Amino acid sequence: MYIAKVVGNVVATKKNDTLMGSKLMIVQPVNSALKKEGPEEVAADFVGAGIGEYVLVGSGSSVRVEEERRRATIDLAIIGIIDDVVV
């Protein structure tokens, strides 16, 4: 799990059936300690995040634990919207 900023969205008229109904967002990982940003990635949005928001991103099989998502072709998902970070 890591922190990322939502920087855009993806519109795909043709996609795998397991992605139907999923909103796809472009996220950019953020490492606040080093003031560096990672490369953009596409993540399924499970929580309704918007462009400009900071989010929690999960990856791998852990984002497909719910029964309706077990067979989905999702490897990266937005699983939370961040309100505040205290270090």
PDB file of N, CA and C in Angstrom:
ATOM      1  N   MET A   1       0.851  -1.165   0.000  1.00  0.00           N
ATOM      2  CA  MET A   1       0.000   0.000   0.000  1.00  0.00           C
ATOM      3  C   MET A   1       0.902   1.235   0.000  1.00  0.00           C
ATOM      4  N   TYR A   2       0.485   2.242  -0.762  1.00  0.00           N
ATOM      5  CA  TYR A   2       1.264   3.473  -0.800  1.00  0.00           C
ATOM      6  C   TYR A   2       0.355   4.668  -1.076  1.00  0.00           C
ATOM      7  N   ILE A   3       0.925   5.869  -0.901  1.00  0.00           N
ATOM      8  CA  ILE A   3       0.197   7.117  -1.132  1.00  0.00           C
ATOM      9  C   ILE A   3       0.461   7.564  -2.561  1.00  0.00           C
ATOM     10  N   ALA A   4      -0.603   8.030  -3.210  1.00  0.00           N
ATOM     11  CA  ALA A   4      -0.479   8.538  -4.572  1.00  0.00           C
ATOM     12  C   ALA A   4      -1.430   9.714  -4.749  1.00  0.00           C
ATOM     13  N   LYS A   5      -1.200  10.477  -5.805  1.00  0.00           N
ATOM     14  CA  LYS A   5      -2.095  11.570  -6.157  1.00  0.00           C
ATOM     15  C   LYS A   5      -2.802  11.193  -7.454  1.00  0.00           C
ATOM     16  N   VAL A   6      -4.111  11.418  -7.507  1.00  0.00           N
ATOM     17  CA  VAL A   6      -4.871  11.147  -8.723  1.00  0.00           C
ATOM     18  C   VAL A   6      -4.610  12.303  -9.694  1.00  0.00           C
ATOM     19  N   VAL A   7      -4.082  11.971 -10.874  1.00  0.00           N
ATOM     20  CA  VAL A   7      -3.712  13.012 -11.838  1.00  0.00           C
ATOM     21  C   VAL A   7      -4.537  12.971 -13.124  1.00  0.00           C
ATOM     22  N   GLY A   8      -5.406  11.978 -13.258  1.00  0.00           N
ATOM     23  CA  GLY A   8      -6.226  11.901 -14.469  1.00  0.00           C
ATOM     24  C   GLY A   8      -7.132  10.696 -14.444  1.00  0.00           C
ATOM     25  N   ASN A   9      -7.871  10.523 -15.524  1.00  0.00           N
ATOM     26  CA  ASN A   9      -8.723   9.350 -15.633  1.00  0.00           C
ATOM     27  C   ASN A   9      -8.545   8.712 -17.006  1.00  0.00           C
ATOM     28  N   VAL A  10      -9.037   7.496 -17.153  1.00  0.00           N
ATOM     29  CA  VAL A  10      -8.925   6.749 -18.399  1.00  0.00           C
ATOM     30  C   VAL A  10     -10.334   6.451 -18.889  1.00  0.00           C
ATOM     31  N   VAL A  11     -10.575   6.722 -20.159  1.00  0.00           N
ATOM     32  CA  VAL A  11     -11.839   6.365 -20.786  1.00  0.00           C
ATOM     33  C   VAL A  11     -11.536   5.228 -21.750  1.00  0.00           C
ATOM     34  N   ALA A  12     -12.153   4.072 -21.529  1.00  0.00           N
ATOM     35  CA  ALA A  12     -11.927   2.905 -22.382  1.00  0.00           C
ATOM     36  C   ALA A  12     -13.279   2.355 -22.819  1.00  0.00           C
ATOM     37  N   THR A  13     -13.592   2.500 -24.103  1.00  0.00           N
ATOM     38  CA  THR A  13     -14.873   2.010 -24.588  1.00  0.00           C
ATOM     39  C   THR A  13     -14.872   0.495 -24.729  1.00  0.00           C
ATOM     40  N   LYS A  14     -13.720  -0.098 -24.950  1.00  0.00           N
ATOM     41  CA  LYS A  14     -13.578  -1.553 -25.012  1.00  0.00           C
ATOM     42  C   LYS A  14     -12.621  -1.974 -23.924  1.00  0.00           C
ATOM     43  N   LYS A  15     -13.056  -2.895 -23.076  1.00  0.00           N
ATOM     44  CA  LYS A  15     -12.192  -3.406 -22.020  1.00  0.00           C
ATOM     45  C   LYS A  15     -12.671  -4.786 -21.597  1.00  0.00           C
ATOM     46  N   ASN A  16     -11.871  -5.486 -20.846  1.00  0.00           N
ATOM     47  CA  ASN A  16     -12.212  -6.809 -20.357  1.00  0.00           C
ATOM     48  C   ASN A  16     -13.531  -6.753 -19.603  1.00  0.00           C
ATOM     49  N   ASP A  17     -14.342  -7.790 -19.759  1.00  0.00           N
ATOM     50  CA  ASP A  17     -15.657  -7.820 -19.104  1.00  0.00           C
ATOM     51  C   ASP A  17     -15.579  -7.660 -17.597  1.00  0.00           C
ATOM     52  N   THR A  18     -14.486  -8.115 -16.974  1.00  0.00           N
ATOM     53  CA  THR A  18     -14.360  -8.018 -15.517  1.00  0.00           C
ATOM     54  C   THR A  18     -14.124  -6.575 -15.055  1.00  0.00           C
ATOM     55  N   LEU A  19     -13.842  -5.676 -15.997  1.00  0.00           N
ATOM     56  CA  LEU A  19     -13.628  -4.266 -15.657  1.00  0.00           C
ATOM     57  C   LEU A  19     -14.868  -3.410 -15.876  1.00  0.00           C
ATOM     58  N   MET A  20     -15.924  -4.005 -16.403  1.00  0.00           N
ATOM     59  CA  MET A  20     -17.151  -3.243 -16.638  1.00  0.00           C
ATOM     60  C   MET A  20     -17.659  -2.656 -15.322  1.00  0.00           C
ATOM     61  N   GLY A  21     -17.969  -1.378 -15.333  1.00  0.00           N
ATOM     62  CA  GLY A  21     -18.454  -0.701 -14.134  1.00  0.00           C
ATOM     63  C   GLY A  21     -17.346  -0.139 -13.259  1.00  0.00           C
ATOM     64  N   SER A  22     -16.095  -0.420 -13.605  1.00  0.00           N
ATOM     65  CA  SER A  22     -14.963   0.100 -12.819  1.00  0.00           C
ATOM     66  C   SER A  22     -14.480   1.419 -13.417  1.00  0.00           C
ATOM     67  N   LYS A  23     -14.301   2.414 -12.556  1.00  0.00           N
ATOM     68  CA  LYS A  23     -13.724   3.687 -12.977  1.00  0.00           C
ATOM     69  C   LYS A  23     -12.210   3.529 -12.925  1.00  0.00           C
ATOM     70  N   LEU A  24     -11.519   3.906 -13.988  1.00  0.00           N
ATOM     71  CA  LEU A  24     -10.064   3.786 -14.050  1.00  0.00           C
ATOM     72  C   LEU A  24      -9.435   5.166 -13.928  1.00  0.00           C
ATOM     73  N   MET A  25      -8.511   5.307 -12.995  1.00  0.00           N
ATOM     74  CA  MET A  25      -7.865   6.593 -12.732  1.00  0.00           C
ATOM     75  C   MET A  25      -6.355   6.480 -12.907  1.00  0.00           C
ATOM     76  N   ILE A  26      -5.728   7.576 -13.282  1.00  0.00           N
ATOM     77  CA  ILE A  26      -4.272   7.629 -13.379  1.00  0.00           C
ATOM     78  C   ILE A  26      -3.760   8.185 -12.055  1.00  0.00           C
ATOM     79  N   VAL A  27      -2.879   7.425 -11.403  1.00  0.00           N
ATOM     80  CA  VAL A  27      -2.309   7.845 -10.123  1.00  0.00           C
ATOM     81  C   VAL A  27      -0.802   7.982 -10.251  1.00  0.00           C
ATOM     82  N   GLN A  28      -0.247   8.893  -9.467  1.00  0.00           N
ATOM     83  CA  GLN A  28       1.201   9.099  -9.436  1.00  0.00           C
ATOM     84  C   GLN A  28       1.669   8.911  -8.000  1.00  0.00           C
ATOM     85  N   PRO A  29       2.478   7.866  -7.745  1.00  0.00           N
ATOM     86  CA  PRO A  29       2.975   7.635  -6.388  1.00  0.00           C
ATOM     87  C   PRO A  29       3.727   8.848  -5.848  1.00  0.00           C
ATOM     88  N   VAL A  30       3.587   9.084  -4.544  1.00  0.00           N
ATOM     89  CA  VAL A  30       4.215  10.234  -3.885  1.00  0.00           C
ATOM     90  C   VAL A  30       5.087   9.732  -2.743  1.00  0.00           C
ATOM     91  N   ASN A  31       6.316  10.201  -2.685  1.00  0.00           N
ATOM     92  CA  ASN A  31       7.206   9.894  -1.572  1.00  0.00           C
ATOM     93  C   ASN A  31       7.566  11.224  -0.940  1.00  0.00           C
ATOM     94  N   SER A  32       6.811  11.616   0.075  1.00  0.00           N
ATOM     95  CA  SER A  32       6.973  12.949   0.664  1.00  0.00           C
ATOM     96  C   SER A  32       8.316  13.148   1.353  1.00  0.00           C
ATOM     97  N   ALA A  33       8.927  12.079   1.835  1.00  0.00           N
ATOM     98  CA  ALA A  33      10.207  12.221   2.530  1.00  0.00           C
ATOM     99  C   ALA A  33      11.313  12.654   1.561  1.00  0.00           C
ATOM    100  N   LEU A  34      11.252  12.170   0.336  1.00  0.00           N
ATOM    101  CA  LEU A  34      12.291  12.494  -0.647  1.00  0.00           C
ATOM    102  C   LEU A  34      11.857  13.570  -1.634  1.00  0.00           C
ATOM    103  N   LYS A  35      10.618  14.026  -1.514  1.00  0.00           N
ATOM    104  CA  LYS A  35      10.050  15.021  -2.429  1.00  0.00           C
ATOM    105  C   LYS A  35      10.148  14.557  -3.885  1.00  0.00           C
ATOM    106  N   LYS A  36       9.962  13.256  -4.109  1.00  0.00           N
ATOM    107  CA  LYS A  36      10.012  12.711  -5.463  1.00  0.00           C
ATOM    108  C   LYS A  36       8.669  12.092  -5.801  1.00  0.00           C
ATOM    109  N   GLU A  37       8.386  12.047  -7.080  1.00  0.00           N
ATOM    110  CA  GLU A  37       7.169  11.405  -7.553  1.00  0.00           C
ATOM    111  C   GLU A  37       7.552  10.258  -8.469  1.00  0.00           C
ATOM    112  N   GLY A  38       6.766   9.207  -8.435  1.00  0.00           N
ATOM    113  CA  GLY A  38       7.014   8.057  -9.293  1.00  0.00           C
ATOM    114  C   GLY A  38       6.291   8.185 -10.615  1.00  0.00           C
ATOM    115  N   PRO A  39       6.442   7.181 -11.476  1.00  0.00           N
ATOM    116  CA  PRO A  39       5.757   7.198 -12.770  1.00  0.00           C
ATOM    117  C   PRO A  39       4.247   6.976 -12.599  1.00  0.00           C
ATOM    118  N   GLU A  40       3.465   7.472 -13.541  1.00  0.00           N
ATOM    119  CA  GLU A  40       2.016   7.303 -13.476  1.00  0.00           C
ATOM    120  C   GLU A  40       1.634   5.844 -13.694  1.00  0.00           C
ATOM    121  N   GLU A  41       0.532   5.443 -13.052  1.00  0.00           N
ATOM    122  CA  GLU A  41      -0.004   4.100 -13.192  1.00  0.00           C
ATOM    123  C   GLU A  41      -1.521   4.200 -13.280  1.00  0.00           C
ATOM    124  N   VAL A  42      -2.153   3.167 -13.801  1.00  0.00           N
ATOM    125  CA  VAL A  42      -3.612   3.133 -13.883  1.00  0.00           C
ATOM    126  C   VAL A  42      -4.133   2.238 -12.768  1.00  0.00           C
ATOM    127  N   ALA A  43      -5.122   2.736 -12.027  1.00  0.00           N
ATOM    128  CA  ALA A  43      -5.703   1.984 -10.907  1.00  0.00           C
ATOM    129  C   ALA A  43      -7.223   2.010 -11.011  1.00  0.00           C
ATOM    130  N   ALA A  44      -7.855   0.894 -10.651  1.00  0.00           N
ATOM    131  CA  ALA A  44      -9.311   0.856 -10.540  1.00  0.00           C
ATOM    132  C   ALA A  44      -9.692   1.640  -9.282  1.00  0.00           C
ATOM    133  N   ASP A  45     -10.746   2.418  -9.386  1.00  0.00           N
ATOM    134  CA  ASP A  45     -11.168   3.261  -8.261  1.00  0.00           C
ATOM    135  C   ASP A  45     -12.331   2.603  -7.530  1.00  0.00           C
ATOM    136  N   PHE A  46     -12.086   2.126  -6.318  1.00  0.00           N
ATOM    137  CA  PHE A  46     -13.116   1.469  -5.515  1.00  0.00           C
ATOM    138  C   PHE A  46     -13.864   2.443  -4.605  1.00  0.00           C
ATOM    139  N   VAL A  47     -13.392   3.698  -4.492  1.00  0.00           N
ATOM    140  CA  VAL A  47     -13.949   4.603  -3.477  1.00  0.00           C
ATOM    141  C   VAL A  47     -14.477   5.937  -4.012  1.00  0.00           C
ATOM    142  N   GLY A  48     -14.394   6.186  -5.304  1.00  0.00           N
ATOM    143  CA  GLY A  48     -14.915   7.428  -5.857  1.00  0.00           C
ATOM    144  C   GLY A  48     -13.985   8.609  -5.733  1.00  0.00           C
ATOM    145  N   ALA A  49     -12.705   8.400  -5.916  1.00  0.00           N
ATOM    146  CA  ALA A  49     -11.722   9.481  -5.821  1.00  0.00           C
ATOM    147  C   ALA A  49     -11.816  10.405  -7.034  1.00  0.00           C
ATOM    148  N   GLY A  50     -11.363  11.632  -6.835  1.00  0.00           N
ATOM    149  CA  GLY A  50     -11.373  12.609  -7.917  1.00  0.00           C
ATOM    150  C   GLY A  50      -9.971  13.093  -8.230  1.00  0.00           C
ATOM    151  N   ILE A  51      -9.831  13.739  -9.372  1.00  0.00           N
ATOM    152  CA  ILE A  51      -8.542  14.274  -9.795  1.00  0.00           C
ATOM    153  C   ILE A  51      -8.076  15.315  -8.783  1.00  0.00           C
ATOM    154  N   GLY A  52      -6.797  15.223  -8.401  1.00  0.00           N
ATOM    155  CA  GLY A  52      -6.212  16.143  -7.432  1.00  0.00           C
ATOM    156  C   GLY A  52      -6.202  15.619  -6.012  1.00  0.00           C
ATOM    157  N   GLU A  53      -6.939  14.535  -5.728  1.00  0.00           N
ATOM    158  CA  GLU A  53      -6.981  13.998  -4.374  1.00  0.00           C
ATOM    159  C   GLU A  53      -5.811  13.053  -4.122  1.00  0.00           C
ATOM    160  N   TYR A  54      -5.389  12.999  -2.853  1.00  0.00           N
ATOM    161  CA  TYR A  54      -4.379  12.033  -2.426  1.00  0.00           C
ATOM    162  C   TYR A  54      -5.113  10.789  -1.943  1.00  0.00           C
ATOM    163  N   VAL A  55      -4.592   9.629  -2.343  1.00  0.00           N
ATOM    164  CA  VAL A  55      -5.296   8.373  -2.098  1.00  0.00           C
ATOM    165  C   VAL A  55      -4.344   7.289  -1.605  1.00  0.00           C
ATOM    166  N   LEU A  56      -4.933   6.232  -1.027  1.00  0.00           N
ATOM    167  CA  LEU A  56      -4.197   5.017  -0.691  1.00  0.00           C
ATOM    168  C   LEU A  56      -4.401   4.038  -1.829  1.00  0.00           C
ATOM    169  N   VAL A  57      -3.305   3.438  -2.279  1.00  0.00           N
ATOM    170  CA  VAL A  57      -3.359   2.502  -3.393  1.00  0.00           C
ATOM    171  C   VAL A  57      -2.860   1.140  -2.920  1.00  0.00           C
ATOM    172  N   GLY A  58      -3.608   0.101  -3.239  1.00  0.00           N
ATOM    173  CA  GLY A  58      -3.219  -1.269  -2.933  1.00  0.00           C
ATOM    174  C   GLY A  58      -2.935  -2.002  -4.234  1.00  0.00           C
ATOM    175  N   SER A  59      -2.146  -3.074  -4.155  1.00  0.00           N
ATOM    176  CA  SER A  59      -1.808  -3.803  -5.377  1.00  0.00           C
ATOM    177  C   SER A  59      -1.862  -5.311  -5.172  1.00  0.00           C
ATOM    178  N   GLY A  60      -1.889  -6.017  -6.282  1.00  0.00           N
ATOM    179  CA  GLY A  60      -1.857  -7.475  -6.255  1.00  0.00           C
ATOM    180  C   GLY A  60      -3.173  -8.100  -5.853  1.00  0.00           C
ATOM    181  N   SER A  61      -3.088  -9.339  -5.407  1.00  0.00           N
ATOM    182  CA  SER A  61      -4.299 -10.098  -5.083  1.00  0.00           C
ATOM    183  C   SER A  61      -5.075  -9.517  -3.905  1.00  0.00           C
ATOM    184  N   SER A  62      -4.441  -8.693  -3.097  1.00  0.00           N
ATOM    185  CA  SER A  62      -5.138  -8.118  -1.938  1.00  0.00           C
ATOM    186  C   SER A  62      -6.250  -7.159  -2.349  1.00  0.00           C
ATOM    187  N   VAL A  63      -6.238  -6.634  -3.573  1.00  0.00           N
ATOM    188  CA  VAL A  63      -7.307  -5.735  -4.014  1.00  0.00           C
ATOM    189  C   VAL A  63      -8.463  -6.510  -4.648  1.00  0.00           C
ATOM    190  N   ARG A  64      -8.347  -7.837  -4.686  1.00  0.00           N
ATOM    191  CA  ARG A  64      -9.406  -8.666  -5.271  1.00  0.00           C
ATOM    192  C   ARG A  64      -9.984  -9.650  -4.256  1.00  0.00           C
ATOM    193  N   VAL A  65     -10.091  -9.282  -3.008  1.00  0.00           N
ATOM    194  CA  VAL A  65     -10.569 -10.201  -1.976  1.00  0.00           C
ATOM    195  C   VAL A  65     -12.090 -10.341  -1.948  1.00  0.00           C
ATOM    196  N   GLU A  66     -12.811  -9.337  -2.397  1.00  0.00           N
ATOM    197  CA  GLU A  66     -14.273  -9.421  -2.411  1.00  0.00           C
ATOM    198  C   GLU A  66     -14.716 -10.402  -3.495  1.00  0.00           C
ATOM    199  N   GLU A  67     -15.782 -11.125  -3.224  1.00  0.00           N
ATOM    200  CA  GLU A  67     -16.247 -12.181  -4.124  1.00  0.00           C
ATOM    201  C   GLU A  67     -16.448 -11.706  -5.559  1.00  0.00           C
ATOM    202  N   GLU A  68     -17.078 -10.541  -5.736  1.00  0.00           N
ATOM    203  CA  GLU A  68     -17.356 -10.062  -7.095  1.00  0.00           C
ATOM    204  C   GLU A  68     -16.103  -9.602  -7.843  1.00  0.00           C
ATOM    205  N   ARG A  69     -14.982  -9.472  -7.146  1.00  0.00           N
ATOM    206  CA  ARG A  69     -13.743  -9.016  -7.798  1.00  0.00           C
ATOM    207  C   ARG A  69     -12.680 -10.109  -7.900  1.00  0.00           C
ATOM    208  N   ARG A  70     -12.956 -11.292  -7.425  1.00  0.00           N
ATOM    209  CA  ARG A  70     -11.949 -12.362  -7.398  1.00  0.00           C
ATOM    210  C   ARG A  70     -11.357 -12.671  -8.759  1.00  0.00           C
ATOM    211  N   ARG A  71     -12.151 -12.605  -9.798  1.00  0.00           N
ATOM    212  CA  ARG A  71     -11.677 -12.953 -11.144  1.00  0.00           C
ATOM    213  C   ARG A  71     -11.372 -11.724 -11.993  1.00  0.00           C
ATOM    214  N   ALA A  72     -11.436 -10.561 -11.406  1.00  0.00           N
ATOM    215  CA  ALA A  72     -11.199  -9.322 -12.152  1.00  0.00           C
ATOM    216  C   ALA A  72      -9.732  -9.201 -12.554  1.00  0.00           C
ATOM    217  N   THR A  73      -9.513  -8.519 -13.653  1.00  0.00           N
ATOM    218  CA  THR A  73      -8.152  -8.297 -14.147  1.00  0.00           C
ATOM    219  C   THR A  73      -7.566  -7.021 -13.554  1.00  0.00           C
ATOM    220  N   ILE A  74      -7.774  -6.836 -12.260  1.00  0.00           N
ATOM    221  CA  ILE A  74      -7.300  -5.644 -11.553  1.00  0.00           C
ATOM    222  C   ILE A  74      -6.039  -5.986 -10.768  1.00  0.00           C
ATOM    223  N   ASP A  75      -4.983  -5.190 -10.966  1.00  0.00           N
ATOM    224  CA  ASP A  75      -3.755  -5.390 -10.217  1.00  0.00           C
ATOM    225  C   ASP A  75      -3.447  -4.208  -9.294  1.00  0.00           C
ATOM    226  N   LEU A  76      -4.113  -3.078  -9.520  1.00  0.00           N
ATOM    227  CA  LEU A  76      -3.869  -1.868  -8.742  1.00  0.00           C
ATOM    228  C   LEU A  76      -5.211  -1.198  -8.490  1.00  0.00           C
ATOM    229  N   ALA A  77      -5.467  -0.786  -7.240  1.00  0.00           N
ATOM    230  CA  ALA A  77      -6.762  -0.181  -6.926  1.00  0.00           C
ATOM    231  C   ALA A  77      -6.620   0.927  -5.892  1.00  0.00           C
ATOM    232  N   ILE A  78      -7.439   1.957  -6.067  1.00  0.00           N
ATOM    233  CA  ILE A  78      -7.555   3.016  -5.064  1.00  0.00           C
ATOM    234  C   ILE A  78      -8.497   2.479  -3.993  1.00  0.00           C
ATOM    235  N   ILE A  79      -7.986   2.388  -2.756  1.00  0.00           N
ATOM    236  CA  ILE A  79      -8.771   1.785  -1.678  1.00  0.00           C
ATOM    237  C   ILE A  79      -9.118   2.767  -0.561  1.00  0.00           C
ATOM    238  N   GLY A  80      -8.666   4.014  -0.673  1.00  0.00           N
ATOM    239  CA  GLY A  80      -8.986   5.006   0.337  1.00  0.00           C
ATOM    240  C   GLY A  80      -8.636   6.411  -0.136  1.00  0.00           C
ATOM    241  N   ILE A  81      -9.379   7.388   0.352  1.00  0.00           N
ATOM    242  CA  ILE A  81      -9.083   8.796   0.068  1.00  0.00           C
ATOM    243  C   ILE A  81      -8.495   9.392   1.340  1.00  0.00           C
ATOM    244  N   ILE A  82      -7.363  10.068   1.206  1.00  0.00           N
ATOM    245  CA  ILE A  82      -6.640  10.603   2.369  1.00  0.00           C
ATOM    246  C   ILE A  82      -7.168  12.001   2.710  1.00  0.00           C
ATOM    247  N   ASP A  83      -7.548  12.185   3.960  1.00  0.00           N
ATOM    248  CA  ASP A  83      -7.977  13.490   4.454  1.00  0.00           C
ATOM    249  C   ASP A  83      -6.808  14.287   5.002  1.00  0.00           C
ATOM    250  N   ASP A  84      -5.897  13.603   5.701  1.00  0.00           N
ATOM    251  CA  ASP A  84      -4.792  14.293   6.362  1.00  0.00           C
ATOM    252  C   ASP A  84      -3.686  13.289   6.629  1.00  0.00           C
ATOM    253  N   VAL A  85      -2.440  13.762   6.619  1.00  0.00           N
ATOM    254  CA  VAL A  85      -1.279  12.940   6.951  1.00  0.00           C
ATOM    255  C   VAL A  85      -0.485  13.654   8.033  1.00  0.00           C
ATOM    256  N   VAL A  86      -0.175  12.951   9.113  1.00  0.00           N
ATOM    257  CA  VAL A  86       0.644  13.503  10.199  1.00  0.00           C
ATOM    258  C   VAL A  86       1.870  12.633  10.334  1.00  0.00           C
ATOM    259  N   VAL A  87       3.048  13.240  10.213  1.00  0.00           N
ATOM    260  CA  VAL A  87       4.303  12.487  10.301  1.00  0.00           C
ATOM    261  C   VAL A  87       5.009  12.864  11.585  1.00  0.00           C
TER     262      VAL A  87
END
